[in-house]
N, C-alpha and C. Protein backbone atom coordinates (compact mmCIF):
# COMPACT_ATOMS: atom_id res chain seq x y z
N MET A 1 130.96 130.12 72.53
CA MET A 1 130.05 129.91 73.73
C MET A 1 130.39 128.73 74.43
N PRO A 2 130.87 128.91 75.76
CA PRO A 2 130.99 127.61 76.67
C PRO A 2 129.90 126.77 76.74
N GLN A 3 130.16 125.51 76.81
CA GLN A 3 128.79 124.72 76.90
C GLN A 3 128.21 124.53 78.41
N LYS A 4 127.09 124.72 78.38
CA LYS A 4 126.46 124.58 79.60
C LYS A 4 126.46 123.30 80.24
N ASN A 5 126.83 123.35 81.67
CA ASN A 5 127.11 121.95 82.09
C ASN A 5 125.81 121.39 82.46
N LYS A 6 125.52 120.15 82.28
CA LYS A 6 124.18 119.38 82.54
C LYS A 6 124.07 119.35 84.03
N THR A 7 122.77 119.45 84.38
CA THR A 7 122.30 119.42 85.73
C THR A 7 121.07 118.60 85.93
N CYS A 8 120.52 118.35 87.19
CA CYS A 8 119.42 117.20 87.40
C CYS A 8 118.29 117.61 86.56
N SER A 9 118.28 118.84 86.21
CA SER A 9 116.89 119.28 85.28
C SER A 9 117.19 119.05 84.04
N ASP A 10 118.30 118.71 83.55
CA ASP A 10 118.69 118.18 82.20
C ASP A 10 118.28 116.49 82.12
N CYS A 11 118.03 115.74 83.37
CA CYS A 11 118.00 114.25 83.40
C CYS A 11 116.74 113.92 82.94
N TYR A 12 116.74 112.99 81.91
CA TYR A 12 115.45 112.25 81.87
C TYR A 12 115.00 111.29 82.73
N SER A 13 113.69 111.16 82.86
CA SER A 13 113.22 110.10 83.74
C SER A 13 113.36 108.59 83.43
N LYS A 14 114.04 107.96 84.36
CA LYS A 14 114.41 106.66 84.14
C LYS A 14 113.94 105.67 85.01
N THR A 15 113.92 104.37 84.89
CA THR A 15 113.39 103.22 85.64
C THR A 15 114.76 102.63 86.12
N PHE A 16 114.85 102.38 87.27
CA PHE A 16 116.09 101.43 87.85
C PHE A 16 115.75 100.12 88.52
N LEU A 17 116.24 99.30 87.96
CA LEU A 17 116.40 97.91 88.53
C LEU A 17 117.46 97.72 89.22
N ILE A 18 117.35 97.43 90.70
CA ILE A 18 118.43 97.58 91.61
C ILE A 18 118.54 96.18 92.28
N ASP A 19 119.70 95.39 92.36
CA ASP A 19 119.86 94.47 93.16
C ASP A 19 120.00 94.79 94.45
N ILE A 20 119.89 93.69 95.59
CA ILE A 20 120.36 93.87 96.82
C ILE A 20 121.69 93.65 97.35
N GLY A 21 122.01 92.20 97.11
CA GLY A 21 123.19 91.54 97.73
C GLY A 21 124.56 92.26 97.00
N ARG A 22 125.38 92.78 97.83
CA ARG A 22 126.87 93.19 97.16
C ARG A 22 126.34 94.42 96.34
N VAL A 23 125.21 95.12 96.41
CA VAL A 23 124.92 96.37 95.68
C VAL A 23 124.40 97.26 96.88
N LEU A 24 123.20 97.21 97.37
CA LEU A 24 122.72 98.00 98.32
C LEU A 24 123.34 97.59 99.82
N LEU A 25 123.52 96.22 99.93
CA LEU A 25 124.09 95.72 101.20
C LEU A 25 125.09 94.45 100.94
N ASN A 26 125.98 94.58 101.72
CA ASN A 26 126.93 93.48 101.37
C ASN A 26 126.53 92.44 102.27
N PHE A 27 127.19 91.29 102.39
CA PHE A 27 126.72 90.01 103.05
C PHE A 27 127.85 89.25 103.37
N ASP A 28 127.71 88.45 104.45
CA ASP A 28 128.78 87.40 104.82
C ASP A 28 127.86 86.11 105.54
N PHE A 29 127.42 85.37 104.81
CA PHE A 29 126.80 84.22 105.61
C PHE A 29 127.59 83.49 106.45
N GLU A 30 128.88 83.11 106.05
CA GLU A 30 129.58 82.00 106.87
C GLU A 30 130.03 82.65 108.35
N SER A 31 130.23 83.76 108.27
CA SER A 31 130.45 84.50 109.74
C SER A 31 129.67 84.58 110.72
N SER A 32 128.30 84.55 110.19
CA SER A 32 127.14 84.26 110.99
C SER A 32 126.77 82.88 111.52
N LEU A 33 126.61 82.33 110.45
CA LEU A 33 126.14 80.83 110.30
C LEU A 33 127.07 79.63 111.01
N ILE A 34 128.27 80.03 111.13
CA ILE A 34 129.12 79.36 111.86
C ILE A 34 129.19 79.45 113.35
N LYS A 35 128.60 80.49 113.74
CA LYS A 35 128.40 80.65 115.14
C LYS A 35 127.48 79.37 115.75
N LEU A 36 126.49 79.05 114.92
CA LEU A 36 125.69 78.02 115.21
C LEU A 36 126.32 76.55 115.57
N ILE A 37 127.22 76.32 115.24
CA ILE A 37 127.97 75.25 115.05
C ILE A 37 128.77 75.01 116.36
N PRO A 38 128.53 73.53 117.08
CA PRO A 38 129.15 73.60 118.30
C PRO A 38 130.62 73.54 118.03
N GLU A 39 131.69 73.59 119.04
CA GLU A 39 133.08 73.73 118.86
C GLU A 39 133.56 72.33 118.38
N ASP A 40 132.95 70.99 118.94
CA ASP A 40 133.46 69.80 118.78
C ASP A 40 132.84 69.24 117.44
N ILE A 41 132.37 70.14 116.55
CA ILE A 41 131.90 69.83 115.14
C ILE A 41 132.97 69.76 114.15
N ASP A 42 133.23 68.77 113.38
CA ASP A 42 134.42 69.01 112.31
C ASP A 42 133.53 69.57 111.12
N ASN A 43 134.73 70.15 110.36
CA ASN A 43 134.50 70.73 109.01
C ASN A 43 133.45 71.80 109.04
N PRO A 44 133.44 72.68 109.88
CA PRO A 44 132.29 73.71 110.17
C PRO A 44 132.18 74.51 108.75
N LYS A 45 133.20 74.75 108.13
CA LYS A 45 133.16 75.65 106.95
C LYS A 45 132.43 75.07 105.82
N GLU A 46 132.82 73.69 105.60
CA GLU A 46 132.43 72.80 104.74
C GLU A 46 130.82 72.75 104.88
N ARG A 47 130.27 72.66 105.99
CA ARG A 47 128.85 72.40 106.39
C ARG A 47 128.18 73.52 106.16
N VAL A 48 128.49 74.64 106.54
CA VAL A 48 127.93 76.15 105.90
C VAL A 48 127.80 76.15 104.37
N GLN A 49 129.02 75.82 103.74
CA GLN A 49 128.99 75.78 102.44
C GLN A 49 127.86 74.83 101.68
N CYS A 50 127.78 73.64 102.44
CA CYS A 50 126.83 72.77 101.69
C CYS A 50 125.40 73.32 101.95
N ILE A 51 125.07 73.89 103.19
CA ILE A 51 123.57 74.68 103.13
C ILE A 51 123.53 75.73 102.30
N LEU A 52 124.65 76.41 101.98
CA LEU A 52 124.37 77.66 100.91
C LEU A 52 124.13 77.13 99.71
N GLU A 53 124.85 75.98 99.29
CA GLU A 53 124.66 75.56 97.97
C GLU A 53 123.03 75.05 97.67
N LYS A 54 122.41 74.80 98.56
CA LYS A 54 121.17 74.48 98.48
C LYS A 54 119.89 75.61 98.81
N LYS A 55 120.40 76.88 98.71
CA LYS A 55 119.50 78.11 99.23
C LYS A 55 118.99 78.46 97.97
N ASP A 56 119.16 78.21 96.77
CA ASP A 56 118.31 78.33 95.57
C ASP A 56 116.89 77.76 95.63
N ALA A 57 116.78 76.76 96.38
CA ALA A 57 115.34 76.03 96.48
C ALA A 57 114.75 77.13 97.47
N LEU A 58 115.46 77.64 98.39
CA LEU A 58 114.66 78.67 99.34
C LEU A 58 114.30 79.73 98.71
N GLU A 59 115.08 80.45 97.65
CA GLU A 59 115.15 81.55 97.19
C GLU A 59 114.14 81.35 95.87
N SER A 60 113.76 80.31 95.39
CA SER A 60 112.89 80.51 94.45
C SER A 60 111.36 79.93 94.87
N GLY A 61 111.37 79.67 96.20
CA GLY A 61 110.21 79.30 97.07
C GLY A 61 109.57 77.83 96.95
N LEU A 62 110.71 77.15 96.59
CA LEU A 62 110.47 75.67 96.39
C LEU A 62 110.40 74.78 97.94
N ILE A 63 110.95 75.65 98.54
CA ILE A 63 111.14 74.84 100.00
C ILE A 63 110.63 76.07 101.06
N ALA A 64 109.83 75.48 101.96
CA ALA A 64 109.52 76.55 103.17
C ALA A 64 110.60 76.87 104.00
N PRO A 65 110.54 78.02 104.72
CA PRO A 65 111.62 78.50 105.49
C PRO A 65 112.00 77.26 106.45
N GLU A 66 110.90 77.06 107.31
CA GLU A 66 110.93 75.89 108.51
C GLU A 66 111.61 74.66 107.95
N HIS A 67 111.26 74.01 106.71
CA HIS A 67 111.81 72.89 106.58
C HIS A 67 113.19 73.27 106.12
N TYR A 68 113.54 74.41 105.18
CA TYR A 68 115.00 74.62 105.07
C TYR A 68 115.98 74.77 106.38
N ALA A 69 115.22 75.40 107.38
CA ALA A 69 116.10 75.66 108.77
C ALA A 69 116.14 74.24 109.23
N ASN A 70 115.09 73.39 109.33
CA ASN A 70 115.50 72.18 110.12
C ASN A 70 116.49 71.34 109.43
N TRP A 71 116.46 71.24 107.95
CA TRP A 71 117.54 70.57 107.45
C TRP A 71 118.83 70.93 107.41
N ALA A 72 119.02 72.52 107.68
CA ALA A 72 120.22 73.06 107.83
C ALA A 72 120.85 72.77 109.03
N LEU A 73 119.78 73.01 110.20
CA LEU A 73 120.47 72.82 111.48
C LEU A 73 121.15 71.24 111.58
N LYS A 74 120.41 70.22 111.06
CA LYS A 74 121.12 68.90 111.00
C LYS A 74 122.17 68.86 110.06
N ILE A 75 122.49 69.58 109.16
CA ILE A 75 123.58 69.50 108.29
C ILE A 75 124.87 70.15 109.25
N LEU A 76 124.43 71.28 110.15
CA LEU A 76 125.57 71.91 110.77
C LEU A 76 125.60 71.25 111.94
N GLY A 77 124.90 70.35 112.30
CA GLY A 77 125.31 69.55 113.49
C GLY A 77 124.88 70.45 114.91
N SER A 78 124.02 71.33 114.66
CA SER A 78 123.76 72.30 115.49
C SER A 78 122.51 72.00 116.49
N HIS A 79 122.43 72.59 117.80
CA HIS A 79 121.45 72.35 118.54
C HIS A 79 120.44 73.86 118.66
N ALA A 80 120.73 74.59 117.81
CA ALA A 80 119.88 75.84 117.81
C ALA A 80 118.46 75.62 117.47
N THR A 81 117.58 76.44 117.72
CA THR A 81 116.20 76.50 117.48
C THR A 81 116.08 77.11 116.04
N ILE A 82 114.92 76.77 115.54
CA ILE A 82 114.65 77.37 114.36
C ILE A 82 114.65 78.97 114.33
N GLU A 83 114.25 79.60 115.41
CA GLU A 83 114.14 81.12 115.58
C GLU A 83 115.73 81.63 115.44
N GLN A 84 116.55 80.66 116.22
CA GLN A 84 117.94 81.10 116.44
C GLN A 84 118.53 80.95 114.92
N PHE A 85 118.07 80.11 114.13
CA PHE A 85 118.70 79.83 112.60
C PHE A 85 118.40 81.24 111.98
N TYR A 86 116.85 81.59 112.10
CA TYR A 86 116.47 82.57 111.34
C TYR A 86 117.36 84.01 111.67
N HIS A 87 117.47 84.08 112.94
CA HIS A 87 118.25 85.22 113.65
C HIS A 87 119.66 85.27 112.85
N ALA A 88 120.36 84.12 112.77
CA ALA A 88 121.67 84.10 112.30
C ALA A 88 121.84 84.11 110.63
N TRP A 89 120.66 83.97 109.90
CA TRP A 89 120.42 84.08 108.74
C TRP A 89 120.20 85.30 108.25
N GLN A 90 119.75 86.17 109.19
CA GLN A 90 119.32 87.65 109.05
C GLN A 90 120.61 88.40 109.34
N GLN A 91 121.40 88.06 110.20
CA GLN A 91 122.36 89.04 110.78
C GLN A 91 123.82 88.99 109.79
N ILE A 92 123.34 89.05 108.41
CA ILE A 92 124.58 88.88 107.45
C ILE A 92 124.98 90.15 106.77
N PHE A 93 124.09 91.29 106.92
CA PHE A 93 124.29 92.15 106.20
C PHE A 93 124.95 93.50 106.73
N THR A 94 125.79 94.20 105.89
CA THR A 94 126.13 95.52 106.37
C THR A 94 125.65 96.51 105.30
N VAL A 95 125.46 97.87 105.51
CA VAL A 95 125.03 98.71 104.40
C VAL A 95 125.94 99.39 103.65
N ASN A 96 125.77 99.45 102.37
CA ASN A 96 126.72 100.06 101.57
C ASN A 96 126.16 101.41 101.57
N GLU A 97 126.73 102.43 102.18
CA GLU A 97 126.39 103.63 102.50
C GLU A 97 126.60 104.40 101.33
N ALA A 98 127.45 104.38 100.35
CA ALA A 98 127.59 105.03 99.18
C ALA A 98 126.50 104.83 98.34
N MET A 99 126.21 103.59 97.95
CA MET A 99 125.09 103.20 97.09
C MET A 99 123.76 103.93 97.69
N TRP A 100 123.43 103.81 98.90
CA TRP A 100 122.28 104.54 99.53
C TRP A 100 122.32 105.94 99.30
N ARG A 101 123.31 106.44 99.27
CA ARG A 101 123.30 108.09 99.07
C ARG A 101 122.63 108.34 97.60
N CYS A 102 123.36 107.41 96.61
CA CYS A 102 122.69 107.48 95.44
C CYS A 102 121.34 107.24 95.09
N VAL A 103 120.74 106.38 95.83
CA VAL A 103 119.47 105.82 95.80
C VAL A 103 118.42 106.99 96.33
N HIS A 104 118.89 107.81 97.25
CA HIS A 104 118.23 108.82 97.84
C HIS A 104 118.21 109.85 96.85
N GLN A 105 119.20 110.17 96.22
CA GLN A 105 119.22 111.25 95.32
C GLN A 105 118.36 110.81 94.12
N LEU A 106 118.42 109.56 93.57
CA LEU A 106 117.40 109.31 92.58
C LEU A 106 116.19 109.35 92.95
N ALA A 107 115.91 108.89 94.00
CA ALA A 107 114.30 109.08 94.62
C ALA A 107 113.90 110.57 94.48
N ASN A 108 114.90 111.51 94.92
CA ASN A 108 114.39 112.91 95.04
C ASN A 108 114.38 113.47 93.76
N GLN A 109 115.28 112.94 92.68
CA GLN A 109 115.02 113.18 91.32
C GLN A 109 113.82 112.55 90.51
N LYS A 110 112.87 111.86 91.24
CA LYS A 110 111.68 111.39 90.91
C LYS A 110 111.82 110.18 89.70
N HIS A 111 113.06 109.43 89.95
CA HIS A 111 113.07 108.34 89.14
C HIS A 111 112.49 107.21 89.70
N SER A 112 111.96 106.05 89.01
CA SER A 112 111.33 104.79 89.27
C SER A 112 112.23 104.04 89.86
N LEU A 113 112.05 103.38 91.12
CA LEU A 113 113.28 102.63 91.71
C LEU A 113 112.42 101.14 91.85
N ILE A 114 113.08 100.16 91.28
CA ILE A 114 112.44 98.93 91.50
C ILE A 114 113.50 97.77 91.97
N LEU A 115 113.38 97.06 93.04
CA LEU A 115 114.14 96.22 93.54
C LEU A 115 113.88 94.78 92.68
N ILE A 116 115.18 94.13 92.43
CA ILE A 116 114.86 92.87 91.89
C ILE A 116 115.94 91.92 92.49
N SER A 117 115.54 90.95 93.11
CA SER A 117 116.62 90.18 93.92
C SER A 117 116.36 88.71 94.07
N ASN A 118 117.31 88.07 93.95
CA ASN A 118 117.01 86.51 94.54
C ASN A 118 117.24 86.67 96.08
N ILE A 119 116.03 86.33 96.65
CA ILE A 119 116.23 86.43 98.23
C ILE A 119 114.81 85.46 98.75
N ASN A 120 114.84 85.40 99.99
CA ASN A 120 114.10 84.19 100.52
C ASN A 120 113.12 84.75 101.63
N ALA A 121 112.11 84.03 102.00
CA ALA A 121 111.27 84.20 103.05
C ALA A 121 111.65 84.27 104.38
N ILE A 122 112.90 84.24 104.67
CA ILE A 122 113.53 84.27 105.92
C ILE A 122 114.04 85.84 105.94
N HIS A 123 114.71 86.26 104.97
CA HIS A 123 114.97 87.69 104.88
C HIS A 123 113.80 88.75 104.57
N CYS A 124 112.83 88.30 103.91
CA CYS A 124 111.71 88.98 103.68
C CYS A 124 110.25 88.63 104.42
N PRO A 125 109.69 89.56 105.14
CA PRO A 125 109.93 90.96 105.03
C PRO A 125 110.64 91.61 106.22
N TRP A 126 111.35 90.55 106.85
CA TRP A 126 112.58 91.31 107.89
C TRP A 126 113.23 92.42 107.53
N ILE A 127 113.64 92.11 106.29
CA ILE A 127 114.73 92.96 105.91
C ILE A 127 114.43 94.50 105.63
N PHE A 128 113.10 94.81 105.21
CA PHE A 128 112.27 95.92 104.97
C PHE A 128 112.09 96.69 105.97
N SER A 129 111.96 95.99 107.40
CA SER A 129 111.94 96.75 108.53
C SER A 129 112.91 97.08 108.99
N ALA A 130 113.98 96.34 108.98
CA ALA A 130 115.34 96.41 109.49
C ALA A 130 116.05 97.61 108.94
N TYR A 131 115.70 97.70 107.56
CA TYR A 131 116.50 98.73 106.69
C TYR A 131 115.50 99.63 106.10
N PRO A 132 114.93 100.48 106.87
CA PRO A 132 113.77 101.51 106.30
C PRO A 132 114.13 101.82 105.21
N GLU A 133 115.24 102.18 104.71
CA GLU A 133 115.73 102.94 103.45
C GLU A 133 114.83 102.23 102.38
N PHE A 134 114.66 101.01 102.48
CA PHE A 134 113.90 100.34 101.32
C PHE A 134 112.61 101.06 100.86
N SER A 135 112.14 101.86 101.80
CA SER A 135 110.80 102.46 101.19
C SER A 135 110.90 103.47 99.99
N TYR A 136 112.42 103.72 99.55
CA TYR A 136 112.28 104.42 98.46
C TYR A 136 111.81 103.66 97.35
N PHE A 137 112.10 102.42 97.53
CA PHE A 137 111.64 101.51 96.47
C PHE A 137 110.09 101.29 96.38
N LYS A 138 109.55 101.67 95.44
CA LYS A 138 108.05 101.47 95.58
C LYS A 138 107.66 100.12 94.97
N HIS A 139 108.48 99.58 94.20
CA HIS A 139 108.02 98.21 93.91
C HIS A 139 109.23 97.08 93.95
N LYS A 140 108.95 95.76 94.00
CA LYS A 140 109.73 94.69 94.34
C LYS A 140 109.60 93.67 93.46
N ILE A 141 110.70 93.01 92.90
CA ILE A 141 110.56 91.80 92.22
C ILE A 141 111.43 90.69 93.02
N LEU A 142 110.91 89.84 93.88
CA LEU A 142 111.67 89.01 94.57
C LEU A 142 111.40 87.70 94.22
N SER A 143 112.49 86.93 94.17
CA SER A 143 112.48 85.52 93.45
C SER A 143 111.60 84.70 94.21
N TYR A 144 111.48 84.59 95.45
CA TYR A 144 110.73 83.64 96.27
C TYR A 144 109.31 83.75 96.20
N GLN A 145 108.98 85.08 95.68
CA GLN A 145 107.42 85.40 95.39
C GLN A 145 107.00 84.88 94.16
N ILE A 146 107.94 85.15 93.24
CA ILE A 146 107.45 84.78 91.84
C ILE A 146 107.83 83.48 91.26
N GLY A 147 108.85 82.86 92.07
CA GLY A 147 109.37 81.62 91.52
C GLY A 147 110.22 81.50 90.46
N ILE A 148 110.82 82.56 90.43
CA ILE A 148 111.95 82.74 89.38
C ILE A 148 113.32 83.28 89.73
N LEU A 149 114.47 82.78 89.45
CA LEU A 149 115.74 83.46 89.93
C LEU A 149 116.49 84.06 88.73
N LYS A 150 117.19 85.31 89.13
CA LYS A 150 118.22 85.56 88.07
C LYS A 150 119.27 84.54 88.02
N PRO A 151 119.85 84.36 86.72
CA PRO A 151 119.67 85.09 85.63
C PRO A 151 118.72 84.68 84.58
N GLU A 152 117.60 83.94 85.02
CA GLU A 152 116.90 83.39 84.03
C GLU A 152 115.89 84.40 83.34
N PRO A 153 116.02 84.48 82.09
CA PRO A 153 115.36 85.43 81.22
C PRO A 153 114.10 85.79 81.74
N ALA A 154 113.36 84.92 82.24
CA ALA A 154 111.82 84.99 82.49
C ALA A 154 111.79 85.98 83.52
N ILE A 155 112.62 86.30 84.44
CA ILE A 155 112.51 87.18 85.46
C ILE A 155 112.60 88.51 84.97
N TYR A 156 113.39 88.76 83.90
CA TYR A 156 113.36 90.23 83.12
C TYR A 156 112.41 90.27 82.08
N ARG A 157 111.69 89.48 81.73
CA ARG A 157 110.51 89.45 80.99
C ARG A 157 109.29 89.81 81.85
N TYR A 158 109.17 89.29 83.06
CA TYR A 158 108.29 89.53 84.15
C TYR A 158 108.38 90.88 84.43
N ALA A 159 109.67 91.46 84.73
CA ALA A 159 109.99 92.91 85.20
C ALA A 159 109.20 93.90 84.06
N ILE A 160 109.60 93.72 82.83
CA ILE A 160 109.11 94.48 81.56
C ILE A 160 107.74 94.32 81.33
N ASP A 161 106.96 93.44 81.44
CA ASP A 161 105.60 92.82 81.44
C ASP A 161 104.86 93.58 82.53
N HIS A 162 105.14 93.28 83.87
CA HIS A 162 104.59 93.49 85.09
C HIS A 162 104.62 95.23 85.19
N PHE A 163 105.52 95.81 84.96
CA PHE A 163 105.55 97.06 85.09
C PHE A 163 105.83 98.18 83.80
N LYS A 164 105.49 97.41 82.95
CA LYS A 164 105.34 98.01 81.48
C LYS A 164 106.65 99.02 81.21
N LEU A 165 107.74 98.31 81.42
CA LEU A 165 109.12 98.95 81.05
C LEU A 165 109.43 99.02 79.86
N ASP A 166 110.02 100.13 79.52
CA ASP A 166 110.86 100.40 78.08
C ASP A 166 112.34 100.22 78.46
N PRO A 167 112.77 98.92 78.02
CA PRO A 167 114.20 98.55 78.30
C PRO A 167 115.19 99.61 78.27
N LYS A 168 114.98 100.28 77.04
CA LYS A 168 116.15 101.21 76.49
C LYS A 168 116.28 102.28 77.54
N SER A 169 114.99 102.54 78.31
CA SER A 169 115.28 103.69 79.30
C SER A 169 115.22 103.05 80.76
N THR A 170 115.44 101.70 80.83
CA THR A 170 115.62 101.01 82.11
C THR A 170 116.98 100.79 82.42
N LEU A 171 117.56 101.10 83.65
CA LEU A 171 118.99 100.72 84.03
C LEU A 171 119.19 99.78 85.17
N TYR A 172 119.69 98.94 84.66
CA TYR A 172 119.82 97.79 85.67
C TYR A 172 121.18 97.46 86.46
N ILE A 173 121.23 97.38 87.58
CA ILE A 173 122.57 97.47 88.46
C ILE A 173 122.44 96.14 89.23
N ASP A 174 123.61 95.36 88.99
CA ASP A 174 123.66 94.12 89.49
C ASP A 174 125.24 93.75 89.66
N ASP A 175 125.67 92.94 90.69
CA ASP A 175 127.07 92.45 90.93
C ASP A 175 127.45 91.42 90.09
N MET A 176 126.57 90.39 89.71
CA MET A 176 126.88 89.08 89.12
C MET A 176 127.06 89.27 87.73
N PRO A 177 127.91 88.77 86.92
CA PRO A 177 128.01 88.95 85.41
C PRO A 177 126.96 88.37 84.77
N GLN A 178 126.63 86.95 85.50
CA GLN A 178 125.55 86.29 84.43
C GLN A 178 124.43 86.94 84.37
N ASN A 179 124.03 87.76 85.71
CA ASN A 179 122.84 88.57 85.63
C ASN A 179 122.91 89.69 84.84
N ILE A 180 124.00 90.39 84.78
CA ILE A 180 124.12 91.47 83.81
C ILE A 180 124.03 90.86 82.31
N ALA A 181 124.66 89.64 81.97
CA ALA A 181 124.35 89.21 80.78
C ALA A 181 123.19 89.13 80.23
N SER A 182 122.32 88.47 81.43
CA SER A 182 121.00 88.53 80.76
C SER A 182 120.03 89.73 80.56
N GLY A 183 120.49 90.79 81.57
CA GLY A 183 120.00 92.06 81.48
C GLY A 183 120.27 92.68 80.09
N ARG A 184 121.29 92.55 79.84
CA ARG A 184 121.75 92.87 78.51
C ARG A 184 120.84 92.46 77.30
N GLU A 185 120.76 91.25 77.36
CA GLU A 185 119.88 90.48 76.28
C GLU A 185 118.52 90.78 76.47
N ALA A 186 118.01 91.45 77.41
CA ALA A 186 116.64 91.83 77.58
C ALA A 186 116.60 93.41 76.95
N GLY A 187 117.70 94.22 76.74
CA GLY A 187 117.79 95.55 76.40
C GLY A 187 117.83 96.35 77.34
N PHE A 188 118.08 96.04 78.68
CA PHE A 188 118.49 97.07 79.48
C PHE A 188 119.76 97.76 79.54
N GLN A 189 120.02 98.97 79.82
CA GLN A 189 121.16 99.46 80.26
C GLN A 189 121.83 98.97 81.53
N CYS A 190 122.96 98.05 81.34
CA CYS A 190 123.28 97.80 82.58
C CYS A 190 124.86 97.87 83.01
N TRP A 191 124.97 98.06 84.29
CA TRP A 191 126.36 98.24 85.15
C TRP A 191 126.73 97.05 85.94
N GLN A 192 127.61 96.22 85.89
CA GLN A 192 128.02 95.44 86.94
C GLN A 192 128.58 96.18 87.94
N TYR A 193 128.07 96.20 89.27
CA TYR A 193 128.43 97.05 90.13
C TYR A 193 129.62 95.92 90.87
N ASP A 194 130.68 96.92 91.37
CA ASP A 194 131.87 96.62 92.23
C ASP A 194 131.86 97.37 93.40
N LEU A 195 131.62 96.65 94.70
CA LEU A 195 131.64 97.22 95.83
C LEU A 195 133.14 97.83 96.15
N ASN A 196 134.02 97.56 95.56
CA ASN A 196 135.36 97.99 95.79
C ASN A 196 135.73 99.21 94.87
N ASN A 197 134.75 99.57 93.85
CA ASN A 197 135.02 100.80 92.79
C ASN A 197 133.72 101.61 92.66
N HIS A 198 133.08 102.03 93.68
CA HIS A 198 131.90 102.82 93.85
C HIS A 198 131.89 103.67 92.86
N GLN A 199 132.91 104.51 92.60
CA GLN A 199 133.17 105.66 92.05
C GLN A 199 133.02 105.45 90.47
N ALA A 200 133.39 104.14 89.94
CA ALA A 200 133.18 103.85 88.49
C ALA A 200 131.65 103.87 88.25
N PHE A 201 130.77 103.32 89.10
CA PHE A 201 129.53 103.43 89.16
C PHE A 201 128.85 104.68 88.93
N GLU A 202 129.26 105.61 89.95
CA GLU A 202 129.08 107.03 89.89
C GLU A 202 129.18 107.68 88.58
N ASN A 203 130.31 107.39 87.89
CA ASN A 203 130.68 107.86 86.57
C ASN A 203 130.03 107.60 85.65
N TRP A 204 129.45 106.25 85.70
CA TRP A 204 128.71 105.74 84.57
C TRP A 204 127.45 106.22 84.79
N LEU A 205 126.69 106.48 86.11
CA LEU A 205 125.29 106.78 86.35
C LEU A 205 125.32 108.27 85.79
N ALA A 206 126.23 109.14 86.05
CA ALA A 206 126.08 110.49 85.63
C ALA A 206 125.94 110.63 84.13
N GLN A 207 126.43 109.82 83.45
CA GLN A 207 126.44 109.83 81.87
C GLN A 207 125.05 109.31 81.64
N ALA A 208 124.62 108.11 82.25
CA ALA A 208 123.58 107.63 81.84
C ALA A 208 122.37 108.41 82.10
N LEU A 209 122.34 109.33 83.10
CA LEU A 209 121.12 110.13 83.61
C LEU A 209 121.06 111.17 82.70
N THR A 210 121.99 111.60 81.89
CA THR A 210 121.74 112.69 80.93
C THR A 210 121.73 112.51 79.43
N SER A 211 121.53 111.10 79.21
CA SER A 211 121.32 110.51 77.93
C SER A 211 119.76 109.90 77.76
N GLN A 212 119.44 110.08 76.37
CA GLN A 212 117.89 109.80 76.22
C GLN A 212 118.18 108.11 75.80
């Protein structure tokens, strides 16, 4: 007898933890922020890099957005307003349409979708109105709100405890190897996503959805 092909009806309900940056949305800080720097200022790329090296404090909620913006504008040598800095900080994203198609399918299949992101209060809640597709995610784990950054093990323990997750049936997708390593230690099924090889993710996903 020929083996029956597995379909969505054969899939077991899963929980997905999905990163934002370079998974759902690609981003480019430099091209946007460098526009804030006057032409006569030296070392513009180095100045942008300097402020990005400090964004962990913003993403862990240790510094208020306006304080970070004021400091960053001084480093950039910029005469922009705080509002103009916020706008430049937000205009860094491009949509990864292939991944969003997968998210749509997973939502239709009634899988549970949870965002888990190192992100800040300049991007949130703005990002959720700018990209309404985020409504597919009923729950969110945002670093600036809980004061924990990936890949700290505590953020994965928070996910498990707060949402009563079974790690064995939880699929975690992230682009950063150190985050994936921590996810594996927490017991999740993990995939390190590569924007340049989406098909590899779809191959993995098809297999993961039909396994217990």
